[in-house]
Protein backbone atom coordinates (compact mmCIF):
# COMPACT_ATOMS: atom_id res chain seq x y z
CA MET A 1 -5.29 -36.22 -54.66
CA GLY A 2 -5.47 -35.11 -58.27
CA ARG A 3 -4.23 -35.65 -61.80
CA VAL A 4 -0.48 -35.42 -62.43
CA ASN A 5 0.99 -35.60 -65.95
CA TRP A 6 4.48 -36.75 -66.89
CA ILE A 7 6.30 -34.26 -69.13
CA GLY A 8 9.98 -35.11 -68.63
CA GLY A 9 12.76 -32.98 -70.04
CA ALA A 10 14.48 -31.80 -66.85
CA PRO A 11 18.13 -30.68 -67.16
CA ALA A 12 20.61 -33.51 -66.64
CA VAL A 13 22.82 -33.40 -63.55
CA ALA A 14 25.65 -35.87 -62.81
CA ASP A 15 25.75 -37.46 -59.39
CA VAL A 16 28.87 -37.29 -57.23
CA ALA A 17 29.77 -39.41 -54.20
CA THR A 18 32.78 -39.51 -51.89
CA VAL A 19 34.29 -42.03 -49.50
CA THR A 20 37.06 -41.45 -46.94
CA LEU A 21 39.61 -43.88 -45.58
CA THR A 22 39.40 -43.24 -41.84
CA ALA A 23 42.10 -45.43 -40.26
CA TYR A 24 45.29 -46.96 -41.65
CA ASP A 25 46.54 -50.51 -41.21
CA ALA A 26 49.06 -52.22 -43.47
CA THR A 27 47.22 -55.55 -43.03
CA THR A 28 43.79 -54.16 -43.95
CA THR A 29 42.27 -54.58 -47.40
CA TYR A 30 40.24 -51.53 -48.48
CA LYS A 31 37.45 -52.34 -50.95
CA ILE A 32 35.15 -50.49 -53.34
CA THR A 33 32.29 -52.60 -54.65
CA ARG A 34 29.46 -52.31 -57.14
CA ASN A 35 27.16 -54.99 -58.48
CA GLY A 36 29.16 -57.73 -56.75
CA LYS A 37 32.45 -56.63 -58.33
CA THR A 38 35.29 -55.23 -56.23
CA VAL A 39 38.47 -53.21 -56.66
CA SER A 40 40.74 -53.31 -53.60
CA THR A 41 44.19 -52.65 -52.17
CA VAL A 42 45.94 -53.39 -48.92
CA GLY A 43 47.19 -50.52 -46.78
CA THR A 44 50.27 -49.05 -48.38
CA GLY A 45 52.63 -46.14 -47.87
CA GLY A 46 52.00 -45.79 -44.16
CA THR A 47 48.97 -43.45 -44.24
CA THR A 48 45.31 -43.36 -45.27
CA ALA A 49 46.23 -40.72 -47.89
CA THR A 50 48.83 -42.90 -49.61
CA THR A 51 46.47 -45.87 -49.50
CA ALA A 52 43.64 -43.76 -50.95
CA THR A 53 45.94 -42.69 -53.79
CA ALA A 54 46.85 -46.29 -54.53
CA LEU A 55 43.20 -47.34 -54.47
CA GLN A 56 42.15 -44.45 -56.71
CA ALA A 57 44.77 -45.44 -59.27
CA LEU A 58 43.40 -48.98 -59.37
CA LEU A 59 39.84 -47.69 -59.70
CA ALA A 60 40.77 -45.38 -62.56
CA ALA A 61 42.60 -48.18 -64.37
CA SER A 62 39.89 -50.79 -63.86
CA ALA A 63 38.29 -52.34 -66.95
CA ILE A 64 35.18 -53.44 -65.03
CA PRO A 65 32.26 -51.93 -67.00
CA GLU A 66 30.44 -50.61 -63.92
CA PHE A 67 33.58 -48.83 -62.70
CA LEU A 68 34.16 -47.29 -66.12
CA GLU A 69 30.94 -45.29 -65.76
CA VAL A 70 32.53 -42.83 -63.31
CA THR A 71 35.60 -40.62 -63.10
CA TRP A 72 37.74 -41.40 -60.03
CA THR A 73 39.73 -38.67 -58.29
CA VAL A 74 41.46 -38.43 -54.91
CA ASN A 75 42.19 -35.66 -52.43
CA SER A 76 44.19 -36.71 -49.39
CA SER A 77 42.24 -39.64 -47.86
CA THR A 78 39.03 -39.00 -49.78
CA ILE A 79 38.12 -40.65 -53.09
CA THR A 80 35.48 -39.05 -55.28
CA ALA A 81 33.32 -40.81 -57.88
CA THR A 82 31.69 -38.58 -60.50
CA SER A 83 29.28 -40.00 -63.07
CA LYS A 84 30.54 -39.55 -66.61
CA THR A 85 26.97 -39.31 -67.94
CA ALA A 86 24.78 -36.58 -66.53
CA GLY A 87 21.28 -37.77 -65.62
CA LEU A 88 22.43 -41.39 -65.14
CA PRO A 89 22.46 -42.57 -61.50
CA THR A 90 25.88 -44.13 -61.06
CA ALA A 91 28.16 -42.79 -58.32
CA ALA A 92 25.67 -43.60 -55.56
CA LEU A 93 25.67 -47.29 -56.53
CA PHE A 94 29.12 -47.94 -55.04
CA SER A 95 29.77 -49.25 -51.54
CA SER A 96 32.87 -49.58 -49.38
CA SER A 97 34.19 -52.13 -46.90
CA VAL A 98 37.37 -53.47 -45.30
CA SER A 99 38.67 -56.84 -44.26
CA GLY A 100 41.52 -57.78 -41.93
CA GLY A 101 43.52 -55.61 -39.58
CA ALA A 102 42.32 -52.48 -37.79
CA GLY A 103 41.89 -50.17 -40.80
CA THR A 104 38.53 -48.51 -41.43
CA ILE A 105 36.73 -46.78 -44.29
CA GLY A 106 33.64 -44.60 -44.28
CA THR A 107 30.49 -45.11 -46.31
CA PHE A 108 29.91 -43.46 -49.66
CA SER A 109 28.28 -40.06 -49.23
CA VAL A 110 26.36 -38.47 -52.11
CA THR A 111 27.41 -34.84 -52.45
CA THR A 112 25.49 -34.16 -55.65
CA THR A 113 22.30 -36.07 -56.42
CA TYR A 114 21.66 -36.91 -60.06
CA SER A 115 18.56 -35.69 -61.87
CA GLY A 116 17.52 -35.61 -65.47
CA PRO A 117 14.87 -35.79 -68.17
CA ASN A 118 14.10 -39.49 -67.60
CA ASP A 119 13.88 -39.44 -63.81
CA TRP A 120 10.53 -40.09 -62.08
CA ALA A 121 11.87 -38.54 -58.87
CA THR A 122 12.73 -35.17 -60.45
CA ALA A 123 9.84 -32.83 -59.60
CA VAL A 124 10.12 -30.60 -62.69
CA ASN A 125 9.43 -33.65 -64.86
CA TRP A 126 5.78 -33.37 -63.75
CA ASP A 127 3.35 -30.72 -64.95
CA THR A 128 2.50 -29.71 -61.38
CA GLY A 129 6.16 -29.25 -60.45
CA VAL A 130 5.50 -31.66 -57.58
CA LEU A 131 6.11 -35.41 -57.42
CA PRO A 132 3.04 -37.67 -57.56
CA ALA A 133 1.59 -38.49 -54.14
CA GLY A 134 -0.62 -41.23 -52.74
CA GLY A 135 -4.10 -41.24 -54.24
CA ASP A 136 -3.11 -39.28 -57.34
CA ASP A 137 -4.11 -40.17 -60.89
CA VAL A 138 -0.90 -40.33 -62.93
CA TRP A 139 -0.98 -39.99 -66.72
CA VAL A 140 1.90 -40.68 -69.09
CA GLU A 141 0.75 -39.64 -72.57
CA ASN A 142 1.51 -37.62 -75.71
CA THR A 143 5.27 -37.93 -75.34
CA SER A 144 8.26 -40.07 -76.24
CA GLN A 145 10.13 -38.99 -73.09
CA SER A 146 11.05 -42.27 -71.37
CA ILE A 147 10.92 -42.93 -67.62
CA LEU A 148 14.07 -44.85 -66.73
CA TYR A 149 15.39 -43.81 -63.33
CA GLY A 150 14.07 -43.02 -59.87
CA ILE A 151 11.48 -45.71 -60.51
CA ASP A 152 11.55 -47.50 -57.15
CA GLN A 153 8.40 -45.85 -55.82
CA HIS A 154 7.19 -48.90 -53.87
CA THR A 155 5.98 -46.82 -50.90
CA LEU A 156 3.51 -44.94 -53.13
CA THR A 157 -0.05 -46.08 -53.91
CA LEU A 158 -1.78 -44.24 -56.73
CA ASN A 159 -5.48 -44.19 -57.39
CA SER A 160 -4.71 -44.88 -61.04
CA LEU A 161 -1.87 -45.10 -63.56
CA THR A 162 -2.87 -44.47 -67.18
CA ILE A 163 -0.47 -44.86 -70.11
CA PRO A 164 -2.33 -44.42 -73.41
CA TYR A 165 -1.07 -45.46 -76.83
CA THR A 166 0.17 -41.91 -77.42
CA PHE A 167 3.12 -42.65 -75.15
CA SER A 168 5.91 -43.95 -77.38
CA GLY A 169 8.80 -43.88 -74.94
CA THR A 170 9.77 -46.69 -72.58
CA ILE A 171 9.34 -47.26 -68.85
CA GLY A 172 11.95 -49.28 -66.99
CA LEU A 173 15.32 -50.66 -67.98
CA PRO A 174 16.39 -53.83 -69.77
CA ARG A 175 17.69 -56.64 -67.59
CA ILE A 176 21.05 -56.43 -69.34
CA ASN A 177 22.53 -52.93 -69.27
CA VAL A 178 22.22 -51.08 -72.56
CA SER A 179 25.98 -51.41 -72.96
CA GLY A 180 25.47 -55.17 -73.07
CA ALA A 181 28.33 -55.54 -70.60
CA TYR A 182 26.60 -56.43 -67.32
CA VAL A 183 23.35 -57.34 -65.61
CA GLU A 184 21.67 -54.06 -64.66
CA ASP A 185 21.99 -53.12 -60.97
CA ARG A 186 19.62 -50.16 -61.13
CA SER A 187 15.89 -50.73 -60.66
CA THR A 188 14.54 -52.13 -63.92
CA TYR A 189 10.82 -52.06 -63.05
CA LEU A 190 8.64 -49.11 -62.14
CA LYS A 191 7.74 -50.23 -58.64
CA ILE A 192 4.51 -48.50 -57.70
CA SER A 193 1.09 -49.50 -56.42
CA ALA A 194 -2.02 -48.37 -58.25
CA THR A 195 -5.60 -49.50 -57.75
CA THR A 196 -6.28 -49.25 -61.49
CA VAL A 197 -3.74 -49.49 -64.30
CA ASN A 198 -4.73 -48.88 -67.94
CA ILE A 199 -2.14 -49.35 -70.68
CA GLY A 200 -2.29 -48.67 -74.42
CA ALA A 201 -5.79 -47.31 -75.00
CA GLY A 202 -6.44 -45.07 -78.00
CA SER A 203 -4.26 -44.64 -81.08
CA GLY A 204 -0.58 -43.98 -81.62
CA ALA A 205 2.73 -45.83 -81.88
CA GLY A 206 2.58 -47.26 -78.37
CA SER A 207 5.45 -48.21 -76.11
CA GLY A 208 7.90 -50.99 -76.90
CA ARG A 209 8.82 -51.53 -73.25
CA ILE A 210 6.85 -51.02 -70.05
CA LYS A 211 7.99 -52.87 -66.94
CA LEU A 212 5.64 -52.55 -63.97
CA ASN A 213 5.66 -54.02 -60.46
CA THR A 214 2.53 -53.12 -58.48
CA GLY A 215 3.90 -54.63 -55.28
CA THR A 216 1.80 -55.98 -52.43
CA ASN A 217 -1.32 -53.87 -52.98
CA ALA A 218 -4.23 -55.06 -55.12
CA ALA A 219 -4.34 -53.83 -58.72
CA THR A 220 -6.58 -54.28 -61.73
CA VAL A 221 -4.35 -54.06 -64.79
CA THR A 222 -5.75 -53.77 -68.32
CA VAL A 223 -3.51 -53.78 -71.38
CA TYR A 224 -5.34 -52.59 -74.50
CA GLY A 225 -2.27 -52.59 -76.71
CA MET A 226 1.51 -52.25 -76.86
CA GLY A 227 3.98 -51.07 -79.46
CA THR A 228 6.60 -53.25 -81.14
CA THR A 229 9.08 -54.54 -78.57
CA VAL A 230 12.41 -52.72 -78.35
CA GLU A 231 14.09 -55.92 -77.12
CA PRO A 232 13.85 -58.79 -79.62
CA GLY A 233 12.62 -61.95 -77.94
CA ILE A 234 11.23 -60.08 -74.92
CA GLU A 235 7.63 -59.00 -74.61
CA SER A 236 6.68 -55.31 -74.70
CA PHE A 237 4.95 -55.32 -71.29
CA LEU A 238 6.49 -57.11 -68.31
CA TYR A 239 4.44 -57.36 -65.12
CA LEU A 240 5.02 -58.27 -61.47
CA GLY A 241 2.57 -58.01 -58.58
CA ALA A 242 2.07 -59.89 -55.33
CA HIS A 243 -1.50 -59.35 -54.12
CA ALA A 244 -4.00 -62.21 -53.88
CA SER A 245 -6.71 -60.05 -55.48
CA ASN A 246 -4.82 -58.89 -58.57
CA VAL A 247 -6.77 -58.93 -61.84
CA PHE A 248 -5.10 -58.84 -65.27
CA ASN A 249 -6.89 -58.19 -68.57
CA LEU A 250 -5.18 -58.34 -71.97
CA ALA A 251 -6.92 -57.10 -75.11
CA SER A 252 -3.90 -56.82 -77.40
CA GLY A 253 -0.11 -56.73 -77.29
CA SER A 254 2.72 -58.96 -76.09
CA VAL A 255 2.91 -59.44 -72.32
CA ALA A 256 4.90 -61.54 -69.85
CA ILE A 257 4.16 -62.10 -66.17
CA ALA A 258 7.11 -63.15 -63.96
CA SER A 259 9.18 -63.30 -67.12
CA PHE A 260 12.69 -63.97 -65.87
CA SER A 261 14.17 -66.71 -63.71
CA GLY A 262 13.71 -65.91 -60.03
CA GLU A 263 10.80 -63.51 -60.57
CA THR A 264 7.46 -64.17 -58.88
CA ALA A 265 3.97 -62.79 -59.35
CA THR A 266 0.50 -63.54 -58.00
CA VAL A 267 -2.29 -62.95 -60.51
CA PRO A 268 -5.40 -64.93 -59.53
CA VAL A 269 -7.61 -63.75 -62.40
CA ILE A 270 -6.44 -63.41 -66.01
CA THR A 271 -8.60 -62.77 -69.08
CA VAL A 272 -7.11 -62.66 -72.58
CA ASN A 273 -8.89 -61.51 -75.74
CA GLY A 274 -7.63 -60.51 -79.18
CA GLY A 275 -6.19 -62.12 -82.27
CA ASN A 276 -2.95 -63.94 -83.06
CA GLY A 277 -0.92 -60.83 -82.27
CA THR A 278 -2.06 -61.01 -78.65
CA LEU A 279 0.52 -62.94 -76.65
CA LEU A 280 0.76 -63.72 -72.94
CA ARG A 281 3.55 -65.72 -71.33
CA CYS A 282 3.51 -66.62 -67.64
CA GLY A 283 6.81 -67.74 -66.11
CA ALA A 284 7.49 -70.49 -63.60
CA GLY A 285 7.19 -68.01 -60.73
CA ALA A 286 3.61 -67.01 -61.60
CA THR A 287 0.89 -68.05 -59.13
CA LEU A 288 -2.33 -68.35 -61.11
CA THR A 289 -5.87 -69.40 -60.22
CA THR A 290 -8.30 -68.67 -63.06
CA VAL A 291 -7.24 -68.09 -66.67
CA THR A 292 -9.81 -67.36 -69.39
CA VAL A 293 -8.66 -67.34 -73.01
CA ASN A 294 -11.09 -65.86 -75.53
CA GLY A 295 -8.46 -65.31 -78.20
CA GLY A 296 -4.76 -64.84 -78.75
CA LYS A 297 -1.98 -67.13 -77.59
CA VAL A 298 -1.28 -67.88 -73.94
CA THR A 299 1.68 -69.90 -72.63
CA VAL A 300 1.85 -70.90 -68.96
CA ASN A 301 4.88 -72.40 -67.20
CA SER A 302 3.31 -72.98 -63.76
CA ASN A 303 0.34 -74.75 -62.23
CA VAL A 304 -3.08 -73.20 -62.72
CA THR A 305 -6.35 -74.11 -61.02
CA THR A 306 -8.97 -73.44 -63.70
CA VAL A 307 -8.49 -72.71 -67.38
CA THR A 308 -11.34 -71.84 -69.73
CA VAL A 309 -10.56 -71.71 -73.45
CA ASN A 310 -13.23 -70.11 -75.64
CA GLY A 311 -10.90 -69.36 -78.54
CA GLY A 312 -7.25 -68.93 -79.40
CA VAL A 313 -4.49 -71.23 -78.17
CA TYR A 314 -3.60 -72.03 -74.56
CA THR A 315 -0.33 -73.90 -73.97
CA GLN A 316 0.63 -75.58 -70.70
CA ALA A 317 4.39 -75.50 -71.25
CA ALA A 318 5.18 -76.62 -67.70
CA GLY A 319 3.09 -77.45 -64.67
CA VAL A 320 -0.50 -78.72 -64.86
CA TRP A 321 -4.07 -77.52 -64.95
CA THR A 322 -6.47 -78.79 -62.30
CA THR A 323 -9.56 -78.12 -64.45
CA MET A 324 -9.56 -77.43 -68.18
CA ASN A 325 -12.73 -76.26 -69.94
CA CYS A 326 -11.74 -76.22 -73.62
CA TRP A 327 -15.05 -75.21 -75.20
CA SER A 328 -13.49 -73.85 -78.38
CA GLY A 329 -9.98 -73.16 -79.59
CA THR A 330 -7.02 -75.30 -78.61
CA ALA A 331 -5.41 -76.38 -75.34
CA VAL A 332 -1.89 -77.78 -75.67
CA THR A 333 0.02 -79.73 -73.03
CA ARG A 334 3.78 -80.02 -73.62
CA THR A 335 5.17 -81.95 -70.66
CA ALA A 336 4.73 -85.33 -69.06
CA SER A 337 1.94 -84.45 -66.66
CA THR A 338 -1.25 -85.43 -64.85
CA HIS A 339 -4.31 -83.21 -65.27
CA ALA A 340 -7.23 -83.74 -62.88
CA THR A 341 -10.25 -82.72 -64.96
CA THR A 342 -10.38 -82.01 -68.68
CA ILE A 343 -13.54 -81.04 -70.57
CA ILE A 344 -13.42 -80.80 -74.37
CA GLY A 345 -16.31 -78.83 -75.87
CA PRO A 346 -18.01 -79.23 -79.27
CA THR A 347 -15.41 -77.07 -81.07
CA GLY A 348 -12.59 -77.57 -78.62
CA GLN A 349 -9.33 -79.39 -79.19
CA VAL A 350 -6.84 -80.75 -76.66
CA ASP A 351 -3.49 -81.30 -78.34
CA CYS A 352 -0.98 -83.71 -76.80
CA SER A 353 1.23 -83.92 -79.89
CA GLN A 354 3.95 -81.79 -78.28
CA ALA A 355 4.09 -83.64 -74.96
CA MET A 356 7.49 -84.96 -73.98
CA GLY A 357 6.20 -88.01 -72.16
CA THR A 358 3.00 -89.54 -70.83
CA VAL A 359 -0.03 -87.29 -70.34
CA THR A 360 -2.49 -88.61 -67.78
CA PHE A 361 -6.09 -87.40 -67.61
CA THR A 362 -7.69 -88.38 -64.32
CA ASN A 363 -11.23 -87.41 -65.33
CA GLY A 364 -12.46 -86.21 -68.70
CA THR A 365 -15.48 -85.29 -70.76
CA ILE A 366 -15.67 -84.97 -74.54
CA TYR A 367 -18.72 -83.40 -76.18
CA LYS A 368 -19.83 -84.24 -79.69
CA GLY A 369 -17.34 -82.71 -82.15
CA GLY A 370 -14.58 -82.36 -79.58
CA GLN A 371 -11.07 -83.40 -80.56
CA LEU A 372 -8.24 -85.13 -78.72
CA LEU A 373 -4.93 -85.16 -80.58
CA ASP A 374 -2.57 -87.92 -79.44
CA PRO A 375 -0.49 -88.94 -82.48
CA TYR A 376 2.17 -90.70 -80.41
CA ASN A 377 -0.16 -92.66 -78.11
CA GLN A 378 1.00 -90.85 -74.99
CA VAL A 379 -2.40 -90.30 -73.35
CA VAL A 380 -3.37 -92.39 -70.34
CA MET A 381 -6.87 -92.23 -68.82
CA SER A 382 -7.18 -92.98 -65.11
CA ASN A 383 -10.95 -93.09 -65.69
CA PRO A 384 -12.81 -93.31 -69.02
CA PHE A 385 -13.76 -90.12 -70.83
CA SER A 386 -17.48 -89.51 -70.51
CA LEU A 387 -19.50 -88.72 -73.67
CA PRO A 388 -22.56 -86.76 -72.51
CA ASP A 389 -24.24 -86.25 -75.92
CA GLY A 390 -23.12 -89.06 -78.20
CA GLY A 391 -20.97 -92.10 -78.71
CA PRO A 392 -17.36 -92.64 -79.72
CA GLN A 393 -18.29 -92.00 -83.34
CA ASP A 394 -19.18 -88.39 -82.42
CA ILE A 395 -15.71 -87.43 -81.19
CA ILE A 396 -12.43 -87.09 -83.00
CA VAL A 397 -9.49 -88.94 -81.49
CA LYS A 398 -6.32 -88.85 -83.54
CA ARG A 399 -3.90 -91.55 -82.39
CA LYS A 400 -1.31 -93.78 -83.97
CA ALA A 401 -2.72 -97.01 -85.32
CA GLY A 402 -3.46 -99.47 -82.54
CA GLY A 403 -3.92 -96.85 -79.83
CA THR A 404 -7.19 -96.58 -77.92
CA VAL A 405 -8.76 -94.07 -75.58
CA LYS A 406 -11.10 -95.31 -72.88
CA VAL A 407 -14.58 -93.83 -73.12
CA ALA A 408 -17.63 -94.39 -70.96
């Protein structure tokens, strides 16, 4: 256990992998696959060597983007894949299979393992010359050297991961390969557990992309700030984590939790501070319990148990809140929905103007000065709003002419 600092800069080495056709059959289809895409040939020429030559020719001529990343050669019955870009893990991503007949093919065997300046798993990229181990405190600071590969470290639990604002590189890969030609099949998130994660403290340019998955161990993650996103339309910090005790704090920056379709995250406690430049978006796969908004803009696309708004703007873009305490700031509901309990404080505002359908409030309380915006008369009260410190004249209800809101 100790401090380990990322330095990067290791020499780039291209990976090489081989596969051997091991038994011939003219009715067998021999296949090479990557990322769900396959190049294949049936047994031809009477031997494994002639079939391997035919398959290599098809591989070399393929226009599939993933297959274009390697150079394909053949020697007798063995096909070799060599990455065209040193330091980019490629050759090891291919697999082999057969169908039909009695022909067989071996598995891809890596003969040269890639390494490079952006690889977490290359020991010389760390100041100790040794890879981080369980219980270590890992720092990534004072560098623009990105961490892009070797980032599936899900078996490792750090004591802490600290990435100050002086780190201006990126961590993780975009969902769409940088070529723009295919959905990335390498790990795109740094998958690593850490009891404490601190991002963006101090001064500097900051990082425009950090993608972190803390896995099934509990983590307290605090984001103090992020740089300008390097992917327009996608937040600078993307987070996944699955523990029921995760805590997430956001002081500044643009952040998404369970950003993409199919992603899931469990973050029971979220606190957001900051100004208008502070943005948090939670996707449909986010499991949330308590969200506190003291500033900034928060958009949630899943159910949440308790929301407290003390400032800023909270938007329920999909799903419902069970309890809303909108003491100050604004709470927006966008969908046809039923919310169990809604409390509007003296300087709070609940805005239903964006709702695409009926919004039902089962129970509600409006304090003097509180506002309910319902310009299209879409609000339905299962029970009257209670007015604990005044009468209807003390609240602001904006509805189309002729609309009414039930009050106690």
